[in-house]
Amino acid sequence: MFVVGALAVTAAAHTFVASDQQRIDTLQSQLTQTLAEQQDLQLSRAELESPVRVLAIAERQLGMISPESVSYLPRRTWPFGVAGWSRRGEGRPERSGGSKGRPAQVRRVGQN
């Protein structure tokens, strides 16, 4: 009787393992298909974001024209940032205040 019971348990275990293996195979197939689709979508995105394509659409469909010349403004960081602020005679920024919810005030050292 013990042998028959052991065989029944073993057969049931094999059935569960086979069922799980079939599910694993299905999921693996879906994963492979999804990864291939993701690669295709990434390639399509790269093609759509291409600067050459964007420029062509801007010129043909939106009427963009290229300028004859380009002028650049000089870079100044004051009062928006401190980096690069080193002109002589203009002073260096100093912070005061800013506690208890009040905004900080910025003034130049050497000036009142």
Protein backbone atom coordinates (compact mmCIF):
# COMPACT_ATOMS: atom_id res chain seq x y z
CA MET A 1 0.00 0.00 0.00
CA PHE A 2 2.87 2.36 0.83
CA VAL A 3 4.39 1.86 -2.63
CA VAL A 4 1.12 2.71 -4.37
CA GLY A 5 0.75 5.87 -2.28
CA ALA A 6 4.33 6.91 -3.03
CA LEU A 7 3.77 6.36 -6.75
CA ALA A 8 0.57 8.45 -6.63
CA VAL A 9 2.40 11.30 -4.86
CA THR A 10 5.27 11.10 -7.36
CA ALA A 11 2.84 11.17 -10.30
CA ALA A 12 1.04 14.19 -8.85
CA ALA A 13 4.38 15.98 -8.30
CA HIS A 14 5.41 15.28 -11.90
CA THR A 15 2.08 16.70 -13.09
CA PHE A 16 2.65 19.93 -11.14
CA VAL A 17 6.24 20.18 -12.40
CA ALA A 18 5.13 19.65 -16.00
CA SER A 19 2.40 22.25 -15.60
CA ASP A 20 4.85 24.76 -14.10
CA GLN A 21 7.40 24.04 -16.83
CA GLN A 22 4.77 24.70 -19.50
CA ARG A 23 3.94 28.03 -17.80
CA ILE A 24 7.66 28.91 -17.60
CA ASP A 25 8.08 28.14 -21.32
CA THR A 26 5.08 30.35 -22.18
CA LEU A 27 6.41 33.22 -20.08
CA GLN A 28 9.89 32.85 -21.58
CA SER A 29 8.40 33.04 -25.06
CA GLN A 30 6.44 36.16 -24.13
CA LEU A 31 9.56 37.73 -22.64
CA THR A 32 11.58 37.08 -25.80
CA GLN A 33 8.79 38.56 -27.95
CA THR A 34 8.47 41.62 -25.69
CA LEU A 35 12.23 42.26 -25.73
CA ALA A 36 12.28 42.10 -29.54
CA GLU A 37 9.34 44.54 -29.65
CA GLN A 38 11.15 46.87 -27.25
CA GLN A 39 14.22 46.91 -29.49
CA ASP A 40 12.05 47.73 -32.50
CA LEU A 41 10.41 50.58 -30.58
CA GLN A 42 13.79 51.96 -29.47
CA LEU A 43 15.01 51.93 -33.07
CA SER A 44 11.84 53.69 -34.23
CA ARG A 45 12.24 56.30 -31.51
CA ALA A 46 15.86 56.95 -32.47
CA GLU A 47 14.84 57.39 -36.10
CA LEU A 48 12.01 59.76 -35.15
CA GLU A 49 14.30 61.86 -32.91
CA SER A 50 16.98 62.15 -35.58
CA PRO A 51 18.14 65.80 -35.88
CA VAL A 52 18.13 65.48 -39.68
CA ARG A 53 14.48 64.36 -39.65
CA VAL A 54 13.44 67.05 -37.17
CA LEU A 55 15.17 69.76 -39.22
CA ALA A 56 13.55 68.54 -42.44
CA ILE A 57 10.08 68.63 -40.86
CA ALA A 58 10.74 72.08 -39.40
CA GLU A 59 11.80 73.46 -42.78
CA ARG A 60 9.22 71.74 -45.02
CA GLN A 61 6.11 71.56 -42.89
CA LEU A 62 6.57 74.39 -40.40
CA GLY A 63 8.29 76.92 -42.65
CA MET A 64 11.46 77.30 -40.61
CA ILE A 65 14.24 79.23 -42.32
CA SER A 66 17.89 79.27 -41.30
CA PRO A 67 19.28 82.65 -40.23
CA GLU A 68 21.97 84.31 -42.30
CA SER A 69 24.04 85.04 -39.19
CA VAL A 70 23.90 84.21 -35.50
CA SER A 71 24.68 86.57 -32.60
CA TYR A 72 25.44 85.35 -29.11
CA LEU A 73 24.90 87.31 -25.91
CA PRO A 74 27.75 87.51 -23.38
CA ARG A 75 27.45 85.19 -20.40
CA ARG A 76 26.65 86.86 -17.08
CA THR A 77 25.64 84.92 -14.03
CA TRP A 78 24.89 87.77 -11.61
CA PRO A 79 22.33 88.00 -9.98
CA PHE A 80 21.18 84.47 -10.83
CA GLY A 81 24.29 82.67 -9.68
CA VAL A 82 27.70 83.35 -8.21
CA ALA A 83 29.80 81.14 -10.49
CA GLY A 84 32.06 83.13 -12.78
CA TRP A 85 31.39 86.48 -11.06
CA SER A 86 34.87 87.89 -10.90
CA ARG A 87 34.81 91.32 -12.49
CA ARG A 88 36.95 93.83 -10.61
CA GLY A 89 35.24 96.67 -8.82
CA GLU A 90 31.83 95.04 -8.85
CA GLY A 91 32.29 93.28 -5.54
CA ARG A 92 31.47 89.79 -4.46
CA PRO A 93 27.97 88.78 -3.32
CA GLU A 94 27.19 88.36 0.37
CA ARG A 95 24.02 86.84 1.81
CA SER A 96 22.16 88.05 4.86
CA GLY A 97 18.79 87.23 6.38
CA GLY A 98 16.87 84.25 5.16
CA SER A 99 15.88 82.87 8.56
CA LYS A 100 12.40 82.03 9.79
CA GLY A 101 10.82 81.93 6.34
CA ARG A 102 12.08 85.37 5.25
CA PRO A 103 13.86 85.55 1.89
CA ALA A 104 17.61 86.07 1.92
CA GLN A 105 18.91 89.43 0.77
CA VAL A 106 21.97 89.66 -1.42
CA ARG A 107 24.24 92.69 -1.40
CA ARG A 108 27.72 93.31 -2.69
CA VAL A 109 30.57 93.48 -0.24
CA GLY A 110 31.90 97.01 0.09
CA GLN A 111 28.56 98.56 -0.81
CA ASN A 112 25.77 99.56 1.52
